[in-house]
Amino acid sequence: MRRNSRVQAFKMIFERFFTEQPVDDELWSELGEKDVEFARQIFSTYQQNKAAIEDKISKLLVGYSIDRVHKIDLALLCEALTEIDYLKIPAPVVINEVVEIAKLYSTSDSPKFINGVLSSALKGE
């Protein structure tokens, strides 16, 4: 299931905020072969475009800087914009999935915040 791939990619992006250590292959072992492939694609695409993705997020934030965004929410935004902007996955699918993941991993305010930022990103295109 692609949600498993997205969750794993989100976790790897989140981890990148704190360390640049190489990714341990054991972390991918929870996923099936197809899921690993998609998760790796998301993660590697994020890594290659990190600066542009985070710059876009900074421009979308109203009233505060990217440094003040909860790191889990930031990782989810990065994951979503990687899929939408670089992997060309349909935005409604990605937004729905990321909002659902936020409900599991972040605060009760996070789904609304993430949905708002991603909706602003789509309006700006």
PDB file of N, CA and C in Angstrom:
ATOM      1  N   MET A   1       0.842  -1.186   0.000  1.00  0.00           N
ATOM      2  CA  MET A   1       0.000   0.000   0.000  1.00  0.00           C
ATOM      3  C   MET A   1       0.886   1.247   0.000  1.00  0.00           C
ATOM      4  N   ARG A   2       0.525   2.225  -0.779  1.00  0.00           N
ATOM      5  CA  ARG A   2       1.347   3.433  -0.889  1.00  0.00           C
ATOM      6  C   ARG A   2       1.420   4.230   0.403  1.00  0.00           C
ATOM      7  N   ARG A   3       0.425   4.108   1.251  1.00  0.00           N
ATOM      8  CA  ARG A   3       0.492   4.843   2.517  1.00  0.00           C
ATOM      9  C   ARG A   3       1.713   4.395   3.316  1.00  0.00           C
ATOM     10  N   ASN A   4       1.987   3.105   3.321  1.00  0.00           N
ATOM     11  CA  ASN A   4       3.168   2.608   4.029  1.00  0.00           C
ATOM     12  C   ASN A   4       4.436   3.232   3.468  1.00  0.00           C
ATOM     13  N   SER A   5       4.501   3.373   2.162  1.00  0.00           N
ATOM     14  CA  SER A   5       5.655   4.015   1.526  1.00  0.00           C
ATOM     15  C   SER A   5       5.767   5.470   1.957  1.00  0.00           C
ATOM     16  N   ARG A   6       4.647   6.143   1.980  1.00  0.00           N
ATOM     17  CA  ARG A   6       4.640   7.557   2.361  1.00  0.00           C
ATOM     18  C   ARG A   6       5.059   7.731   3.820  1.00  0.00           C
ATOM     19  N   VAL A   7       4.568   6.868   4.686  1.00  0.00           N
ATOM     20  CA  VAL A   7       4.935   6.946   6.096  1.00  0.00           C
ATOM     21  C   VAL A   7       6.437   6.742   6.257  1.00  0.00           C
ATOM     22  N   GLN A   8       6.980   5.759   5.573  1.00  0.00           N
ATOM     23  CA  GLN A   8       8.416   5.502   5.680  1.00  0.00           C
ATOM     24  C   GLN A   8       9.227   6.666   5.115  1.00  0.00           C
ATOM     25  N   ALA A   9       8.813   7.209   3.992  1.00  0.00           N
ATOM     26  CA  ALA A   9       9.521   8.359   3.406  1.00  0.00           C
ATOM     27  C   ALA A   9       9.452   9.561   4.349  1.00  0.00           C
ATOM     28  N   PHE A  10       8.281   9.798   4.920  1.00  0.00           N
ATOM     29  CA  PHE A  10       8.118  10.888   5.891  1.00  0.00           C
ATOM     30  C   PHE A  10       9.064  10.698   7.076  1.00  0.00           C
ATOM     31  N   LYS A  11       9.163   9.486   7.581  1.00  0.00           N
ATOM     32  CA  LYS A  11      10.051   9.213   8.713  1.00  0.00           C
ATOM     33  C   LYS A  11      11.512   9.484   8.345  1.00  0.00           C
ATOM     34  N   MET A  12      11.887   9.118   7.135  1.00  0.00           N
ATOM     35  CA  MET A  12      13.269   9.333   6.697  1.00  0.00           C
ATOM     36  C   MET A  12      13.555  10.823   6.510  1.00  0.00           C
ATOM     37  N   ILE A  13      12.597  11.559   5.978  1.00  0.00           N
ATOM     38  CA  ILE A  13      12.755  13.008   5.826  1.00  0.00           C
ATOM     39  C   ILE A  13      12.866  13.648   7.203  1.00  0.00           C
ATOM     40  N   PHE A  14      12.000  13.240   8.127  1.00  0.00           N
ATOM     41  CA  PHE A  14      12.038  13.751   9.495  1.00  0.00           C
ATOM     42  C   PHE A  14      13.411  13.507  10.112  1.00  0.00           C
ATOM     43  N   GLU A  15      13.929  12.313   9.932  1.00  0.00           N
ATOM     44  CA  GLU A  15      15.240  11.964  10.477  1.00  0.00           C
ATOM     45  C   GLU A  15      16.338  12.869   9.916  1.00  0.00           C
ATOM     46  N   ARG A  16      16.218  13.259   8.656  1.00  0.00           N
ATOM     47  CA  ARG A  16      17.211  14.112   7.996  1.00  0.00           C
ATOM     48  C   ARG A  16      17.341  15.468   8.677  1.00  0.00           C
ATOM     49  N   PHE A  17      16.300  15.924   9.365  1.00  0.00           N
ATOM     50  CA  PHE A  17      16.369  17.202  10.062  1.00  0.00           C
ATOM     51  C   PHE A  17      17.354  17.158  11.223  1.00  0.00           C
ATOM     52  N   PHE A  18      17.698  15.951  11.677  1.00  0.00           N
ATOM     53  CA  PHE A  18      18.529  15.797  12.864  1.00  0.00           C
ATOM     54  C   PHE A  18      19.877  15.135  12.616  1.00  0.00           C
ATOM     55  N   THR A  19      20.024  14.417  11.510  1.00  0.00           N
ATOM     56  CA  THR A  19      21.271  13.726  11.233  1.00  0.00           C
ATOM     57  C   THR A  19      21.473  13.537   9.733  1.00  0.00           C
ATOM     58  N   GLU A  20      22.703  13.488   9.342  1.00  0.00           N
ATOM     59  CA  GLU A  20      23.049  13.210   7.943  1.00  0.00           C
ATOM     60  C   GLU A  20      23.649  11.813   7.803  1.00  0.00           C
ATOM     61  N   GLN A  21      23.508  11.001   8.841  1.00  0.00           N
ATOM     62  CA  GLN A  21      24.031   9.633   8.796  1.00  0.00           C
ATOM     63  C   GLN A  21      23.387   8.874   7.641  1.00  0.00           C
ATOM     64  N   PRO A  22      24.122   7.958   7.038  1.00  0.00           N
ATOM     65  CA  PRO A  22      23.538   7.155   5.955  1.00  0.00           C
ATOM     66  C   PRO A  22      22.307   6.392   6.437  1.00  0.00           C
ATOM     67  N   VAL A  23      21.383   6.205   5.537  1.00  0.00           N
ATOM     68  CA  VAL A  23      20.148   5.495   5.865  1.00  0.00           C
ATOM     69  C   VAL A  23      20.466   4.024   6.076  1.00  0.00           C
ATOM     70  N   ASP A  24      20.009   3.505   7.184  1.00  0.00           N
ATOM     71  CA  ASP A  24      20.217   2.104   7.513  1.00  0.00           C
ATOM     72  C   ASP A  24      19.220   1.260   6.712  1.00  0.00           C
ATOM     73  N   ASP A  25      19.724   0.301   5.954  1.00  0.00           N
ATOM     74  CA  ASP A  25      18.852  -0.551   5.133  1.00  0.00           C
ATOM     75  C   ASP A  25      17.792  -1.266   5.958  1.00  0.00           C
ATOM     76  N   GLU A  26      18.071  -1.461   7.218  1.00  0.00           N
ATOM     77  CA  GLU A  26      17.109  -2.138   8.092  1.00  0.00           C
ATOM     78  C   GLU A  26      15.809  -1.332   8.216  1.00  0.00           C
ATOM     79  N   LEU A  27      15.920  -0.024   8.084  1.00  0.00           N
ATOM     80  CA  LEU A  27      14.733   0.825   8.183  1.00  0.00           C
ATOM     81  C   LEU A  27      13.745   0.582   7.042  1.00  0.00           C
ATOM     82  N   TRP A  28      14.246   0.088   5.929  1.00  0.00           N
ATOM     83  CA  TRP A  28      13.375  -0.184   4.784  1.00  0.00           C
ATOM     84  C   TRP A  28      12.744  -1.579   4.880  1.00  0.00           C
ATOM     85  N   SER A  29      13.246  -2.401   5.774  1.00  0.00           N
ATOM     86  CA  SER A  29      12.839  -3.808   5.811  1.00  0.00           C
ATOM     87  C   SER A  29      11.373  -4.020   6.196  1.00  0.00           C
ATOM     88  N   GLU A  30      10.738  -3.014   6.764  1.00  0.00           N
ATOM     89  CA  GLU A  30       9.333  -3.129   7.156  1.00  0.00           C
ATOM     90  C   GLU A  30       8.397  -3.161   5.942  1.00  0.00           C
ATOM     91  N   LEU A  31       8.908  -2.734   4.800  1.00  0.00           N
ATOM     92  CA  LEU A  31       8.074  -2.581   3.611  1.00  0.00           C
ATOM     93  C   LEU A  31       8.294  -3.706   2.615  1.00  0.00           C
ATOM     94  N   GLY A  32       7.275  -3.965   1.817  1.00  0.00           N
ATOM     95  CA  GLY A  32       7.413  -4.896   0.709  1.00  0.00           C
ATOM     96  C   GLY A  32       8.234  -4.259  -0.399  1.00  0.00           C
ATOM     97  N   GLU A  33       8.616  -5.043  -1.372  1.00  0.00           N
ATOM     98  CA  GLU A  33       9.510  -4.574  -2.433  1.00  0.00           C
ATOM     99  C   GLU A  33       8.956  -3.364  -3.188  1.00  0.00           C
ATOM    100  N   LYS A  34       7.686  -3.405  -3.569  1.00  0.00           N
ATOM    101  CA  LYS A  34       7.078  -2.281  -4.298  1.00  0.00           C
ATOM    102  C   LYS A  34       7.023  -1.028  -3.430  1.00  0.00           C
ATOM    103  N   ASP A  35       6.678  -1.223  -2.156  1.00  0.00           N
ATOM    104  CA  ASP A  35       6.599  -0.090  -1.239  1.00  0.00           C
ATOM    105  C   ASP A  35       7.966   0.530  -1.004  1.00  0.00           C
ATOM    106  N   VAL A  36       8.990  -0.303  -0.890  1.00  0.00           N
ATOM    107  CA  VAL A  36      10.354   0.204  -0.701  1.00  0.00           C
ATOM    108  C   VAL A  36      10.760   1.055  -1.895  1.00  0.00           C
ATOM    109  N   GLU A  37      10.450   0.593  -3.071  1.00  0.00           N
ATOM    110  CA  GLU A  37      10.816   1.321  -4.285  1.00  0.00           C
ATOM    111  C   GLU A  37      10.192   2.718  -4.298  1.00  0.00           C
ATOM    112  N   PHE A  38       8.905   2.817  -3.980  1.00  0.00           N
ATOM    113  CA  PHE A  38       8.225   4.108  -3.976  1.00  0.00           C
ATOM    114  C   PHE A  38       8.750   4.995  -2.848  1.00  0.00           C
ATOM    115  N   ALA A  39       8.956   4.438  -1.669  1.00  0.00           N
ATOM    116  CA  ALA A  39       9.478   5.211  -0.536  1.00  0.00           C
ATOM    117  C   ALA A  39      10.870   5.752  -0.845  1.00  0.00           C
ATOM    118  N   ARG A  40      11.708   4.919  -1.426  1.00  0.00           N
ATOM    119  CA  ARG A  40      13.065   5.362  -1.797  1.00  0.00           C
ATOM    120  C   ARG A  40      13.005   6.465  -2.859  1.00  0.00           C
ATOM    121  N   GLN A  41      12.057   6.340  -3.784  1.00  0.00           N
ATOM    122  CA  GLN A  41      11.907   7.353  -4.829  1.00  0.00           C
ATOM    123  C   GLN A  41      11.527   8.696  -4.209  1.00  0.00           C
ATOM    124  N   ILE A  42      10.588   8.678  -3.287  1.00  0.00           N
ATOM    125  CA  ILE A  42      10.190   9.915  -2.606  1.00  0.00           C
ATOM    126  C   ILE A  42      11.386  10.500  -1.861  1.00  0.00           C
ATOM    127  N   PHE A  43      12.041   9.670  -1.059  1.00  0.00           N
ATOM    128  CA  PHE A  43      13.139  10.136  -0.220  1.00  0.00           C
ATOM    129  C   PHE A  43      14.311  10.672  -1.048  1.00  0.00           C
ATOM    130  N   SER A  44      14.704   9.954  -2.067  1.00  0.00           N
ATOM    131  CA  SER A  44      15.846  10.407  -2.871  1.00  0.00           C
ATOM    132  C   SER A  44      15.499  11.675  -3.651  1.00  0.00           C
ATOM    133  N   THR A  45      14.262  11.774  -4.128  1.00  0.00           N
ATOM    134  CA  THR A  45      13.838  12.988  -4.838  1.00  0.00           C
ATOM    135  C   THR A  45      13.828  14.175  -3.883  1.00  0.00           C
ATOM    136  N   TYR A  46      13.367  13.950  -2.663  1.00  0.00           N
ATOM    137  CA  TYR A  46      13.415  15.013  -1.650  1.00  0.00           C
ATOM    138  C   TYR A  46      14.858  15.458  -1.421  1.00  0.00           C
ATOM    139  N   GLN A  47      15.748  14.488  -1.226  1.00  0.00           N
ATOM    140  CA  GLN A  47      17.153  14.810  -0.950  1.00  0.00           C
ATOM    141  C   GLN A  47      17.756  15.666  -2.071  1.00  0.00           C
ATOM    142  N   GLN A  48      17.420  15.325  -3.311  1.00  0.00           N
ATOM    143  CA  GLN A  48      17.966  16.041  -4.461  1.00  0.00           C
ATOM    144  C   GLN A  48      17.399  17.455  -4.589  1.00  0.00           C
ATOM    145  N   ASN A  49      16.201  17.680  -4.049  1.00  0.00           N
ATOM    146  CA  ASN A  49      15.509  18.960  -4.233  1.00  0.00           C
ATOM    147  C   ASN A  49      15.182  19.652  -2.915  1.00  0.00           C
ATOM    148  N   LYS A  50      15.868  19.268  -1.867  1.00  0.00           N
ATOM    149  CA  LYS A  50      15.586  19.750  -0.513  1.00  0.00           C
ATOM    150  C   LYS A  50      15.514  21.276  -0.426  1.00  0.00           C
ATOM    151  N   ALA A  51      16.495  21.952  -0.947  1.00  0.00           N
ATOM    152  CA  ALA A  51      16.543  23.417  -0.837  1.00  0.00           C
ATOM    153  C   ALA A  51      15.345  24.073  -1.520  1.00  0.00           C
ATOM    154  N   ALA A  52      15.006  23.626  -2.707  1.00  0.00           N
ATOM    155  CA  ALA A  52      13.871  24.205  -3.439  1.00  0.00           C
ATOM    156  C   ALA A  52      12.554  23.926  -2.727  1.00  0.00           C
ATOM    157  N   ILE A  53      12.407  22.717  -2.188  1.00  0.00           N
ATOM    158  CA  ILE A  53      11.176  22.347  -1.492  1.00  0.00           C
ATOM    159  C   ILE A  53      11.010  23.190  -0.235  1.00  0.00           C
ATOM    160  N   GLU A  54      12.060  23.292   0.552  1.00  0.00           N
ATOM    161  CA  GLU A  54      11.974  24.060   1.790  1.00  0.00           C
ATOM    162  C   GLU A  54      11.812  25.557   1.512  1.00  0.00           C
ATOM    163  N   ASP A  55      12.396  26.036   0.430  1.00  0.00           N
ATOM    164  CA  ASP A  55      12.210  27.434   0.036  1.00  0.00           C
ATOM    165  C   ASP A  55      10.744  27.694  -0.317  1.00  0.00           C
ATOM    166  N   LYS A  56      10.149  26.762  -1.037  1.00  0.00           N
ATOM    167  CA  LYS A  56       8.737  26.901  -1.396  1.00  0.00           C
ATOM    168  C   LYS A  56       7.866  26.931  -0.147  1.00  0.00           C
ATOM    169  N   ILE A  57       8.152  26.060   0.800  1.00  0.00           N
ATOM    170  CA  ILE A  57       7.387  26.037   2.048  1.00  0.00           C
ATOM    171  C   ILE A  57       7.544  27.371   2.775  1.00  0.00           C
ATOM    172  N   SER A  58       8.756  27.892   2.841  1.00  0.00           N
ATOM    173  CA  SER A  58       9.005  29.181   3.507  1.00  0.00           C
ATOM    174  C   SER A  58       8.148  30.286   2.910  1.00  0.00           C
ATOM    175  N   LYS A  59       8.025  30.290   1.596  1.00  0.00           N
ATOM    176  CA  LYS A  59       7.244  31.319   0.914  1.00  0.00           C
ATOM    177  C   LYS A  59       5.741  31.160   1.149  1.00  0.00           C
ATOM    178  N   LEU A  60       5.307  29.945   1.457  1.00  0.00           N
ATOM    179  CA  LEU A  60       3.885  29.699   1.673  1.00  0.00           C
ATOM    180  C   LEU A  60       3.427  30.019   3.093  1.00  0.00           C
ATOM    181  N   LEU A  61       4.347  30.072   4.023  1.00  0.00           N
ATOM    182  CA  LEU A  61       3.995  30.316   5.417  1.00  0.00           C
ATOM    183  C   LEU A  61       3.628  31.777   5.615  1.00  0.00           C
ATOM    184  N   VAL A  62       2.536  31.990   6.323  1.00  0.00           N
ATOM    185  CA  VAL A  62       2.066  33.350   6.578  1.00  0.00           C
ATOM    186  C   VAL A  62       2.248  33.645   8.062  1.00  0.00           C
ATOM    187  N   GLY A  63       3.046  34.652   8.362  1.00  0.00           N
ATOM    188  CA  GLY A  63       3.164  35.090   9.740  1.00  0.00           C
ATOM    189  C   GLY A  63       4.295  34.469  10.542  1.00  0.00           C
ATOM    190  N   TYR A  64       4.992  33.491  10.007  1.00  0.00           N
ATOM    191  CA  TYR A  64       6.141  32.957  10.731  1.00  0.00           C
ATOM    192  C   TYR A  64       7.081  32.205   9.806  1.00  0.00           C
ATOM    193  N   SER A  65       8.260  31.928  10.350  1.00  0.00           N
ATOM    194  CA  SER A  65       9.307  31.319   9.535  1.00  0.00           C
ATOM    195  C   SER A  65       9.246  29.797   9.584  1.00  0.00           C
ATOM    196  N   ILE A  66       9.939  29.186   8.651  1.00  0.00           N
ATOM    197  CA  ILE A  66       9.991  27.731   8.556  1.00  0.00           C
ATOM    198  C   ILE A  66      10.600  27.115   9.821  1.00  0.00           C
ATOM    199  N   ASP A  67      11.464  27.850  10.490  1.00  0.00           N
ATOM    200  CA  ASP A  67      12.093  27.356  11.717  1.00  0.00           C
ATOM    201  C   ASP A  67      11.091  27.115  12.839  1.00  0.00           C
ATOM    202  N   ARG A  68       9.951  27.772  12.775  1.00  0.00           N
ATOM    203  CA  ARG A  68       8.929  27.631  13.814  1.00  0.00           C
ATOM    204  C   ARG A  68       7.931  26.518  13.527  1.00  0.00           C
ATOM    205  N   VAL A  69       7.996  25.922  12.347  1.00  0.00           N
ATOM    206  CA  VAL A  69       7.070  24.842  11.996  1.00  0.00           C
ATOM    207  C   VAL A  69       7.490  23.577  12.734  1.00  0.00           C
ATOM    208  N   HIS A  70       6.523  22.926  13.336  1.00  0.00           N
ATOM    209  CA  HIS A  70       6.751  21.648  14.021  1.00  0.00           C
ATOM    210  C   HIS A  70       7.453  20.711  13.039  1.00  0.00           C
ATOM    211  N   LYS A  71       8.514  20.062  13.448  1.00  0.00           N
ATOM    212  CA  LYS A  71       9.338  19.252  12.535  1.00  0.00           C
ATOM    213  C   LYS A  71       8.554  18.113  11.879  1.00  0.00           C
ATOM    214  N   ILE A  72       7.611  17.538  12.588  1.00  0.00           N
ATOM    215  CA  ILE A  72       6.791  16.483  11.975  1.00  0.00           C
ATOM    216  C   ILE A  72       5.969  17.067  10.835  1.00  0.00           C
ATOM    217  N   ASP A  73       5.366  18.223  11.082  1.00  0.00           N
ATOM    218  CA  ASP A  73       4.569  18.872  10.036  1.00  0.00           C
ATOM    219  C   ASP A  73       5.439  19.279   8.855  1.00  0.00           C
ATOM    220  N   LEU A  74       6.635  19.759   9.144  1.00  0.00           N
ATOM    221  CA  LEU A  74       7.551  20.149   8.074  1.00  0.00           C
ATOM    222  C   LEU A  74       7.941  18.935   7.227  1.00  0.00           C
ATOM    223  N   ALA A  75       8.208  17.824   7.875  1.00  0.00           N
ATOM    224  CA  ALA A  75       8.551  16.602   7.131  1.00  0.00           C
ATOM    225  C   ALA A  75       7.388  16.162   6.250  1.00  0.00           C
ATOM    226  N   LEU A  76       6.176  16.268   6.765  1.00  0.00           N
ATOM    227  CA  LEU A  76       5.001  15.888   5.975  1.00  0.00           C
ATOM    228  C   LEU A  76       4.802  16.839   4.793  1.00  0.00           C
ATOM    229  N   LEU A  77       5.023  18.121   5.007  1.00  0.00           N
ATOM    230  CA  LEU A  77       4.928  19.085   3.906  1.00  0.00           C
ATOM    231  C   LEU A  77       5.988  18.804   2.847  1.00  0.00           C
ATOM    232  N   CYS A  78       7.198  18.501   3.289  1.00  0.00           N
ATOM    233  CA  CYS A  78       8.272  18.171   2.344  1.00  0.00           C
ATOM    234  C   CYS A  78       7.930  16.922   1.548  1.00  0.00           C
ATOM    235  N   GLU A  79       7.418  15.926   2.233  1.00  0.00           N
ATOM    236  CA  GLU A  79       7.040  14.672   1.571  1.00  0.00           C
ATOM    237  C   GLU A  79       5.959  14.946   0.520  1.00  0.00           C
ATOM    238  N   ALA A  80       4.946  15.722   0.897  1.00  0.00           N
ATOM    239  CA  ALA A  80       3.834  16.014  -0.009  1.00  0.00           C
ATOM    240  C   ALA A  80       4.299  16.808  -1.231  1.00  0.00           C
ATOM    241  N   LEU A  81       5.082  17.847  -1.018  1.00  0.00           N
ATOM    242  CA  LEU A  81       5.526  18.662  -2.149  1.00  0.00           C
ATOM    243  C   LEU A  81       6.493  17.902  -3.056  1.00  0.00           C
ATOM    244  N   THR A  82       7.232  16.976  -2.492  1.00  0.00           N
ATOM    245  CA  THR A  82       8.087  16.125  -3.323  1.00  0.00           C
ATOM    246  C   THR A  82       7.230  15.325  -4.290  1.00  0.00           C
ATOM    247  N   GLU A  83       6.173  14.725  -3.765  1.00  0.00           N
ATOM    248  CA  GLU A  83       5.285  13.931  -4.627  1.00  0.00           C
ATOM    249  C   GLU A  83       4.564  14.789  -5.654  1.00  0.00           C
ATOM    250  N   ILE A  84       4.025  15.909  -5.213  1.00  0.00           N
ATOM    251  CA  ILE A  84       3.223  16.755  -6.100  1.00  0.00           C
ATOM    252  C   ILE A  84       4.083  17.425  -7.169  1.00  0.00           C
ATOM    253  N   ASP A  85       5.169  18.059  -6.745  1.00  0.00           N
ATOM    254  CA  ASP A  85       5.974  18.864  -7.659  1.00  0.00           C
ATOM    255  C   ASP A  85       6.956  18.061  -8.499  1.00  0.00           C
ATOM    256  N   TYR A  86       7.487  16.986  -7.951  1.00  0.00           N
ATOM    257  CA  TYR A  86       8.565  16.280  -8.648  1.00  0.00           C
ATOM    258  C   TYR A  86       8.160  14.907  -9.179  1.00  0.00           C
ATOM    259  N   LEU A  87       7.298  14.217  -8.449  1.00  0.00           N
ATOM    260  CA  LEU A  87       6.870  12.895  -8.910  1.00  0.00           C
ATOM    261  C   LEU A  87       5.549  12.947  -9.665  1.00  0.00           C
ATOM    262  N   LYS A  88       4.931  14.127  -9.656  1.00  0.00           N
ATOM    263  CA  LYS A  88       3.698  14.395 -10.409  1.00  0.00           C
ATOM    264  C   LYS A  88       2.543  13.468 -10.012  1.00  0.00           C
ATOM    265  N   ILE A  89       2.483  13.149  -8.717  1.00  0.00           N
ATOM    266  CA  ILE A  89       1.337  12.403  -8.182  1.00  0.00           C
ATOM    267  C   ILE A  89       0.199  13.418  -8.023  1.00  0.00           C
ATOM    268  N   PRO A  90      -1.041  13.059  -8.371  1.00  0.00           N
ATOM    269  CA  PRO A  90      -2.153  14.018  -8.261  1.00  0.00           C
ATOM    270  C   PRO A  90      -2.270  14.621  -6.853  1.00  0.00           C
ATOM    271  N   ALA A  91      -2.329  15.939  -6.802  1.00  0.00           N
ATOM    272  CA  ALA A  91      -2.342  16.665  -5.536  1.00  0.00           C
ATOM    273  C   ALA A  91      -3.439  16.211  -4.576  1.00  0.00           C
ATOM    274  N   PRO A  92      -4.697  16.014  -5.035  1.00  0.00           N
ATOM    275  CA  PRO A  92      -5.731  15.605  -4.080  1.00  0.00           C
ATOM    276  C   PRO A  92      -5.403  14.280  -3.370  1.00  0.00           C
ATOM    277  N   VAL A  93      -4.812  13.362  -4.089  1.00  0.00           N
ATOM    278  CA  VAL A  93      -4.430  12.075  -3.503  1.00  0.00           C
ATOM    279  C   VAL A  93      -3.357  12.287  -2.437  1.00  0.00           C
ATOM    280  N   VAL A  94      -2.340  13.046  -2.780  1.00  0.00           N
ATOM    281  CA  VAL A  94      -1.225  13.282  -1.855  1.00  0.00           C
ATOM    282  C   VAL A  94      -1.706  14.037  -0.618  1.00  0.00           C
ATOM    283  N   ILE A  95      -2.473  15.085  -0.823  1.00  0.00           N
ATOM    284  CA  ILE A  95      -2.953  15.890   0.304  1.00  0.00           C
ATOM    285  C   ILE A  95      -3.790  15.031   1.243  1.00  0.00           C
ATOM    286  N   ASN A  96      -4.692  14.248   0.708  1.00  0.00           N
ATOM    287  CA  ASN A  96      -5.511  13.375   1.542  1.00  0.00           C
ATOM    288  C   ASN A  96      -4.642  12.419   2.359  1.00  0.00           C
ATOM    289  N   GLU A  97      -3.680  11.800   1.705  1.00  0.00           N
ATOM    290  CA  GLU A  97      -2.807  10.841   2.392  1.00  0.00           C
ATOM    291  C   GLU A  97      -1.983  11.515   3.493  1.00  0.00           C
ATOM    292  N   VAL A  98      -1.402  12.656   3.185  1.00  0.00           N
ATOM    293  CA  VAL A  98      -0.548  13.339   4.153  1.00  0.00           C
ATOM    294  C   VAL A  98      -1.366  13.848   5.340  1.00  0.00           C
ATOM    295  N   VAL A  99      -2.558  14.339   5.084  1.00  0.00           N
ATOM    296  CA  VAL A  99      -3.431  14.779   6.177  1.00  0.00           C
ATOM    297  C   VAL A  99      -3.779  13.589   7.081  1.00  0.00           C
ATOM    298  N   GLU A 100      -4.051  12.446   6.497  1.00  0.00           N
ATOM    299  CA  GLU A 100      -4.345  11.250   7.296  1.00  0.00           C
ATOM    300  C   GLU A 100      -3.123  10.815   8.114  1.00  0.00           C
ATOM    301  N   ILE A 101      -1.952  10.909   7.537  1.00  0.00           N
ATOM    302  CA  ILE A 101      -0.726  10.565   8.270  1.00  0.00           C
ATOM    303  C   ILE A 101      -0.511  11.553   9.416  1.00  0.00           C
ATOM    304  N   ALA A 102      -0.792  12.835   9.170  1.00  0.00           N
ATOM    305  CA  ALA A 102      -0.657  13.852  10.216  1.00  0.00           C
ATOM    306  C   ALA A 102      -1.568  13.543  11.402  1.00  0.00           C
ATOM    307  N   LYS A 103      -2.741  13.021  11.139  1.00  0.00           N
ATOM    308  CA  LYS A 103      -3.658  12.663  12.224  1.00  0.00           C
ATOM    309  C   LYS A 103      -3.060  11.602  13.140  1.00  0.00           C
ATOM    310  N   LEU A 104      -2.205  10.755  12.589  1.00  0.00           N
ATOM    311  CA  LEU A 104      -1.582   9.680  13.369  1.00  0.00           C
ATOM    312  C   LEU A 104      -0.310  10.120  14.090  1.00  0.00           C
ATOM    313  N   TYR A 105       0.453  11.022  13.474  1.00  0.00           N
ATOM    314  CA  TYR A 105       1.790  11.327  13.979  1.00  0.00           C
ATOM    315  C   TYR A 105       1.972  12.716  14.566  1.00  0.00           C
ATOM    316  N   SER A 106       1.016  13.606  14.377  1.00  0.00           N
ATOM    317  CA  SER A 106       1.235  14.977  14.818  1.00  0.00           C
ATOM    318  C   SER A 106       0.104  15.452  15.729  1.00  0.00           C
ATOM    319  N   THR A 107       0.010  16.753  15.904  1.00  0.00           N
ATOM    320  CA  THR A 107      -0.973  17.335  16.817  1.00  0.00           C
ATOM    321  C   THR A 107      -2.364  17.397  16.177  1.00  0.00           C
ATOM    322  N   SER A 108      -3.344  17.700  16.962  1.00  0.00           N
ATOM    323  CA  SER A 108      -4.712  17.779  16.441  1.00  0.00           C
ATOM    324  C   SER A 108      -4.897  18.965  15.486  1.00  0.00           C
ATOM    325  N   ASP A 109      -4.044  19.978  15.586  1.00  0.00           N
ATOM    326  CA  ASP A 109      -4.114  21.138  14.693  1.00  0.00           C
ATOM    327  C   ASP A 109      -3.367  20.913  13.380  1.00  0.00           C
ATOM    328  N   SER A 110      -2.520  19.920  13.340  1.00  0.00           N
ATOM    329  CA  SER A 110      -1.650  19.712  12.194  1.00  0.00           C
ATOM    330  C   SER A 110      -2.369  19.409  10.880  1.00  0.00           C
ATOM    331  N   PRO A 111      -3.385  18.541  10.871  1.00  0.00           N
ATOM    332  CA  PRO A 111      -4.041  18.271   9.583  1.00  0.00           C
ATOM    333  C   PRO A 111      -4.580  19.539   8.911  1.00  0.00           C
ATOM    334  N   LYS A 112      -5.182  20.413   9.691  1.00  0.00           N
ATOM    335  CA  LYS A 112      -5.721  21.660   9.136  1.00  0.00           C
ATOM    336  C   LYS A 112      -4.585  22.557   8.632  1.00  0.00           C
ATOM    337  N   PHE A 113      -3.519  22.654   9.407  1.00  0.00           N
ATOM    338  CA  PHE A 113      -2.360  23.470   9.010  1.00  0.00           C
ATOM    339  C   PHE A 113      -1.755  22.944   7.713  1.00  0.00           C
ATOM    340  N   ILE A 114      -1.512  21.650   7.648  1.00  0.00           N
ATOM    341  CA  ILE A 114      -0.894  21.033   6.464  1.00  0.00           C
ATOM    342  C   ILE A 114      -1.794  21.208   5.246  1.00  0.00           C
ATOM    343  N   ASN A 115      -3.078  20.963   5.423  1.00  0.00           N
ATOM    344  CA  ASN A 115      -4.031  21.129   4.327  1.00  0.00           C
ATOM    345  C   ASN A 115      -4.013  22.578   3.826  1.00  0.00           C
ATOM    346  N   GLY A 116      -3.966  23.534   4.730  1.00  0.00           N
ATOM    347  CA  GLY A 116      -3.943  24.939   4.351  1.00  0.00           C
ATOM    348  C   GLY A 116      -2.700  25.323   3.571  1.00  0.00           C
ATOM    349  N   VAL A 117      -1.539  24.865   4.034  1.00  0.00           N
ATOM    350  CA  VAL A 117      -0.289  25.190   3.346  1.00  0.00           C
ATOM    351  C   VAL A 117      -0.272  24.557   1.958  1.00  0.00           C
ATOM    352  N   LEU A 118      -0.670  23.290   1.874  1.00  0.00           N
ATOM    353  CA  LEU A 118      -0.663  22.612   0.578  1.00  0.00           C
ATOM    354  C   LEU A 118      -1.697  23.212  -0.379  1.00  0.00           C
ATOM    355  N   SER A 119      -2.838  23.623   0.144  1.00  0.00           N
ATOM    356  CA  SER A 119      -3.841  24.277  -0.701  1.00  0.00           C
ATOM    357  C   SER A 119      -3.297  25.595  -1.246  1.00  0.00           C
ATOM    358  N   SER A 120      -2.570  26.331  -0.402  1.00  0.00           N
ATOM    359  CA  SER A 120      -1.937  27.579  -0.862  1.00  0.00           C
ATOM    360  C   SER A 120      -0.914  27.303  -1.949  1.00  0.00           C
ATOM    361  N   ALA A 121      -0.197  26.208  -1.809  1.00  0.00           N
ATOM    362  CA  ALA A 121       0.802  25.837  -2.820  1.00  0.00           C
ATOM    363  C   ALA A 121       0.128  25.591  -4.159  1.00  0.00           C
ATOM    364  N   LEU A 122      -1.021  24.949  -4.143  1.00  0.00           N
ATOM    365  CA  LEU A 122      -1.726  24.648  -5.381  1.00  0.00           C
ATOM    366  C   LEU A 122      -2.315  25.899  -6.023  1.00  0.00           C
ATOM    367  N   LYS A 123      -2.777  26.828  -5.194  1.00  0.00           N
ATOM    368  CA  LYS A 123      -3.338  28.070  -5.724  1.00  0.00           C
ATOM    369  C   LYS A 123      -2.262  28.931  -6.372  1.00  0.00           C
ATOM    370  N   GLY A 124      -1.025  28.806  -5.884  1.00  0.00           N
ATOM    371  CA  GLY A 124       0.084  29.593  -6.401  1.00  0.00           C
ATOM    372  C   GLY A 124       0.638  29.082  -7.720  1.00  0.00           C
ATOM    373  N   GLU A 125       0.210  27.898  -8.152  1.00  0.00           N
ATOM    374  CA  GLU A 125       0.737  27.320  -9.397  1.00  0.00           C
ATOM    375  C   GLU A 125       0.006  27.834 -10.596  1.00  0.00           C
TER     376      GLU A 125
END
